Amino acid sequence: MTANSDLPVVLDRREGPYGEVVLRRQGELLQIIANGCFLMDTSDGRSERLLVDAAYDALDGRPAPHVLIGGLGVGFSLAHAAANPGWGRISVVEREPAVIDWHRDEGPLSALSSGALADPRTEIVEADLVTYVNETCDTFDALCLDIDNGPGWTVTEDNDGLYAPAGLAACARVLRPGGVLAVWSAAPSPEFEGTLWNAGFRQVRTEEVPVARGVPDAVHLALRPG
């Protein structure tokens, strides 16, 4: 009997501070699984690139904006931000030490991110994003969130509060006046749009990315007044 090359192969499995995280290979794809929940793979990246580009475009030419990317993942968002010389500082908050390790020192995901990690504008912060936006003294022109499968499908229950009024208030607190919040989601959410409006954000809109099957991916965008 010959082995089936399409079966997933676990490359690393660790018990992290928020549960189990797994990196596996299926064919040519690398996949990240958290607590049994599929997060992302290396198949496409269009919606992650849209997340970064839409945030940048919403700033209307603001010079050298500082972007905070919530979630390192497979590195698509970071790599795309670093490919744009218009961004100033690029900060990435990632709470899983394993994910950071997979990108460093010729790790399995380093081919996607090594250039971005070597960029002097880039900094990686090992922290929980919910805690970070509540405690940091730093401020940003753009906040790009890609830590869950969307506002209604979070990786851990602790993340739920990020998309509620108090969590969005914390996001607004770290944004400079006129700054943009961009939130990736596996499906459009009119309900979340309403929550953004109620939290005081303005110019709320959603951009969609068609996928091969099912509902489109979405990026929710909103501006902090000022």
Protein backbone atom coordinates (compact mmCIF):
# COMPACT_ATOMS: atom_id res chain seq x y z
CA MET A 1 0.00 0.00 0.00
CA THR A 2 1.36 3.43 -0.92
CA ALA A 3 1.11 6.41 1.38
CA ASN A 4 -1.47 9.06 0.56
CA SER A 5 0.46 12.31 0.07
CA ASP A 6 -2.74 14.30 0.66
CA LEU A 7 -3.04 13.18 4.27
CA PRO A 8 -1.96 15.89 6.74
CA VAL A 9 1.41 15.39 8.45
CA VAL A 10 2.01 17.04 11.82
CA LEU A 11 5.26 19.02 11.82
CA ASP A 12 4.99 20.37 15.35
CA ARG A 13 2.48 20.12 18.17
CA ARG A 14 2.76 22.17 21.35
CA GLU A 15 0.75 23.00 24.42
CA GLY A 16 0.79 26.78 24.48
CA PRO A 17 -0.49 29.26 27.05
CA TYR A 18 -3.97 29.17 25.45
CA GLY A 19 -4.19 25.50 24.52
CA GLU A 20 -2.81 23.24 21.84
CA VAL A 21 -1.32 24.65 18.63
CA VAL A 22 -0.38 22.45 15.69
CA LEU A 23 1.52 23.09 12.50
CA ARG A 24 0.89 20.48 9.84
CA ARG A 25 1.60 19.96 6.16
CA GLN A 26 -1.00 18.74 3.68
CA GLY A 27 0.44 18.41 0.22
CA GLU A 28 2.13 21.74 -0.51
CA LEU A 29 0.17 23.61 2.15
CA LEU A 30 1.15 24.45 5.71
CA GLN A 31 -1.76 24.76 8.16
CA ILE A 32 -2.12 26.17 11.67
CA ILE A 33 -4.64 24.49 13.97
CA ALA A 34 -5.48 25.90 17.42
CA ASN A 35 -7.41 23.77 19.91
CA GLY A 36 -8.68 21.66 17.03
CA CYS A 37 -9.93 24.73 15.13
CA PHE A 38 -8.50 25.37 11.66
CA LEU A 39 -7.10 28.90 11.60
CA MET A 40 -5.31 29.42 8.30
CA ASP A 41 -3.05 27.90 5.69
CA THR A 42 -0.62 28.99 3.00
CA SER A 43 -3.02 28.40 0.09
CA ASP A 44 -3.89 31.97 -0.85
CA GLY A 45 -3.45 35.09 1.26
CA ARG A 46 -5.62 37.42 -0.83
CA SER A 47 -7.84 38.42 2.05
CA GLU A 48 -4.85 38.98 4.36
CA ARG A 49 -3.28 41.25 1.76
CA LEU A 50 -6.59 43.09 1.37
CA LEU A 51 -6.64 43.57 5.15
CA VAL A 52 -3.33 45.45 4.98
CA ASP A 53 -3.96 47.32 1.73
CA ALA A 54 -7.44 48.51 2.70
CA ALA A 55 -6.10 49.84 5.99
CA TYR A 56 -3.28 51.67 4.22
CA ASP A 57 -5.58 53.17 1.58
CA ALA A 58 -8.04 54.37 4.24
CA LEU A 59 -5.29 56.57 5.71
CA ASP A 60 -5.30 58.78 2.58
CA GLY A 61 -1.55 59.19 2.20
CA ARG A 62 -0.66 59.73 5.86
CA PRO A 63 3.16 59.71 5.93
CA ALA A 64 4.93 56.65 7.39
CA PRO A 65 1.92 55.30 9.32
CA HIS A 66 2.55 52.89 12.18
CA VAL A 67 0.54 49.68 11.80
CA LEU A 68 -0.24 47.12 14.48
CA ILE A 69 -1.02 43.66 13.10
CA GLY A 70 -2.87 41.41 15.50
CA GLY A 71 -1.76 37.86 14.79
CA LEU A 72 1.34 36.59 12.97
CA GLY A 73 -0.32 33.47 11.55
CA VAL A 74 1.42 32.15 8.46
CA GLY A 75 2.92 35.60 7.85
CA PHE A 76 0.90 36.85 4.89
CA SER A 77 -0.14 40.15 6.50
CA LEU A 78 3.34 40.93 7.83
CA ALA A 79 5.06 40.07 4.56
CA HIS A 80 2.63 42.21 2.57
CA ALA A 81 3.00 45.18 4.91
CA ALA A 82 6.80 44.95 4.73
CA ALA A 83 6.63 44.89 0.92
CA ASN A 84 5.04 48.36 1.02
CA PRO A 85 7.70 51.04 1.64
CA GLY A 86 4.93 53.47 2.59
CA TRP A 87 4.40 51.91 5.99
CA GLY A 88 6.48 53.26 8.86
CA ARG A 89 6.81 50.96 11.86
CA ILE A 90 5.23 47.51 11.56
CA SER A 91 4.37 45.93 14.91
CA VAL A 92 3.00 42.40 15.15
CA VAL A 93 1.43 41.04 18.33
CA GLU A 94 1.36 37.23 18.56
CA ARG A 95 0.47 35.35 21.74
CA GLU A 96 1.69 31.87 20.74
CA PRO A 97 5.45 31.32 21.19
CA ALA A 98 5.23 28.32 18.85
CA VAL A 99 3.95 30.46 15.96
CA ILE A 100 6.80 32.93 16.44
CA ASP A 101 9.30 30.05 16.53
CA TRP A 102 7.94 28.60 13.26
CA HIS A 103 8.84 31.86 11.53
CA ARG A 104 12.33 32.25 13.00
CA ASP A 105 15.69 30.50 12.51
CA GLU A 106 14.77 28.75 9.28
CA GLY A 107 11.55 27.42 10.79
CA PRO A 108 8.84 25.84 8.60
CA LEU A 109 7.18 29.23 7.92
CA SER A 110 10.36 31.31 7.59
CA ALA A 111 10.28 31.24 3.79
CA LEU A 112 7.16 33.41 3.95
CA SER A 113 8.41 35.93 6.49
CA SER A 114 12.21 36.00 6.76
CA GLY A 115 12.53 39.13 4.63
CA ALA A 116 9.84 40.93 6.62
CA LEU A 117 11.37 39.90 9.95
CA ALA A 118 14.73 41.27 8.80
CA ASP A 119 13.13 44.63 7.90
CA PRO A 120 14.23 47.24 10.47
CA ARG A 121 10.67 48.59 10.61
CA THR A 122 9.37 45.28 11.98
CA GLU A 123 8.97 44.31 15.61
CA ILE A 124 7.37 41.15 17.01
CA VAL A 125 5.67 41.43 20.40
CA GLU A 126 4.83 38.21 22.22
CA ALA A 127 1.60 39.12 24.00
CA ASP A 128 -2.12 38.54 24.06
CA LEU A 129 -3.69 41.18 21.85
CA VAL A 130 -6.67 41.78 24.14
CA THR A 131 -4.31 42.50 27.04
CA TYR A 132 -1.97 44.49 24.83
CA VAL A 133 -4.54 46.99 23.54
CA ASN A 134 -5.72 47.55 27.10
CA GLU A 135 -2.26 48.14 28.55
CA THR A 136 0.09 49.56 25.90
CA CYS A 137 1.09 53.21 25.94
CA ASP A 138 1.89 53.12 22.22
CA THR A 139 -0.50 54.43 19.57
CA PHE A 140 -1.00 53.44 15.95
CA ASP A 141 -2.38 54.75 12.69
CA ALA A 142 -3.81 51.36 11.72
CA LEU A 143 -4.85 48.27 13.63
CA CYS A 144 -5.26 45.11 11.51
CA LEU A 145 -6.86 42.23 13.39
CA ASP A 146 -6.48 38.65 12.16
CA ILE A 147 -6.47 36.60 15.36
CA ASP A 148 -9.75 34.72 14.88
CA ASN A 149 -11.98 33.40 12.11
CA GLY A 150 -14.10 36.50 12.63
CA PRO A 151 -16.08 38.35 15.31
CA GLY A 152 -18.51 35.45 15.65
CA TRP A 153 -15.99 32.62 15.48
CA THR A 154 -13.19 33.19 17.94
CA VAL A 155 -10.30 30.83 18.69
CA THR A 156 -10.77 31.15 22.47
CA GLU A 157 -13.62 32.54 24.56
CA ASP A 158 -11.31 35.26 25.91
CA ASN A 159 -11.24 36.84 22.45
CA ASP A 160 -15.00 37.44 22.41
CA GLY A 161 -14.62 40.66 24.35
CA LEU A 162 -12.40 42.19 21.68
CA TYR A 163 -15.37 42.54 19.34
CA ALA A 164 -17.76 43.82 22.01
CA PRO A 165 -18.12 47.54 22.86
CA ALA A 166 -15.46 47.47 25.60
CA GLY A 167 -12.95 45.70 23.38
CA LEU A 168 -13.58 48.07 20.48
CA ALA A 169 -13.16 51.00 22.87
CA ALA A 170 -9.71 49.61 23.72
CA CYS A 171 -8.91 49.38 20.01
CA ALA A 172 -10.03 52.99 19.54
CA ARG A 173 -7.86 54.03 22.49
CA VAL A 174 -4.66 52.87 20.76
CA LEU A 175 -5.62 54.41 17.43
CA ARG A 176 -4.56 57.95 16.61
CA PRO A 177 -7.30 60.36 15.44
CA GLY A 178 -8.44 59.33 11.98
CA GLY A 179 -6.80 55.91 12.40
CA VAL A 180 -8.31 52.82 10.84
CA LEU A 181 -9.43 49.53 12.36
CA ALA A 182 -9.46 46.59 9.91
CA VAL A 183 -10.85 43.23 11.02
CA TRP A 184 -10.55 40.01 9.02
CA SER A 185 -13.51 37.65 9.05
CA ALA A 186 -14.34 34.32 7.43
CA ALA A 187 -17.77 35.75 6.58
CA PRO A 188 -19.36 39.21 6.36
CA SER A 189 -21.14 40.31 9.54
CA PRO A 190 -23.76 43.07 9.32
CA GLU A 191 -24.21 42.70 13.08
CA PHE A 192 -20.55 43.53 13.67
CA GLU A 193 -20.86 46.56 11.39
CA GLY A 194 -23.61 47.80 13.70
CA THR A 195 -21.41 47.19 16.73
CA LEU A 196 -18.65 49.27 15.17
CA TRP A 197 -21.03 52.17 14.56
CA ASN A 198 -22.36 51.93 18.12
CA ALA A 199 -18.79 51.92 19.47
CA GLY A 200 -18.21 55.34 17.91
CA PHE A 201 -16.37 54.37 14.74
CA ARG A 202 -17.25 56.09 11.48
CA GLN A 203 -17.11 55.27 7.75
CA VAL A 204 -17.82 51.63 8.57
CA ARG A 205 -17.79 49.35 5.53
CA THR A 206 -17.02 45.79 4.47
CA GLU A 207 -14.90 44.55 1.57
CA GLU A 208 -15.38 40.97 0.40
CA VAL A 209 -12.99 38.46 -1.19
CA PRO A 210 -14.70 35.63 -3.14
CA VAL A 211 -13.52 32.12 -2.30
CA ALA A 212 -13.79 28.88 -4.25
CA ARG A 213 -16.63 27.53 -2.11
CA GLY A 214 -18.96 29.05 0.44
CA VAL A 215 -19.42 32.61 1.62
CA PRO A 216 -16.70 35.17 0.84
CA ASP A 217 -14.00 36.24 3.25
CA ALA A 218 -14.48 39.78 4.52
CA VAL A 219 -12.53 42.73 5.85
CA HIS A 220 -14.49 45.11 8.10
CA LEU A 221 -13.13 48.67 8.06
CA ALA A 222 -13.87 51.58 10.38
CA LEU A 223 -12.25 54.92 11.22
CA ARG A 224 -11.73 56.49 14.61
CA PRO A 225 -13.14 60.02 14.48
CA GLY A 226 -10.75 62.93 14.73
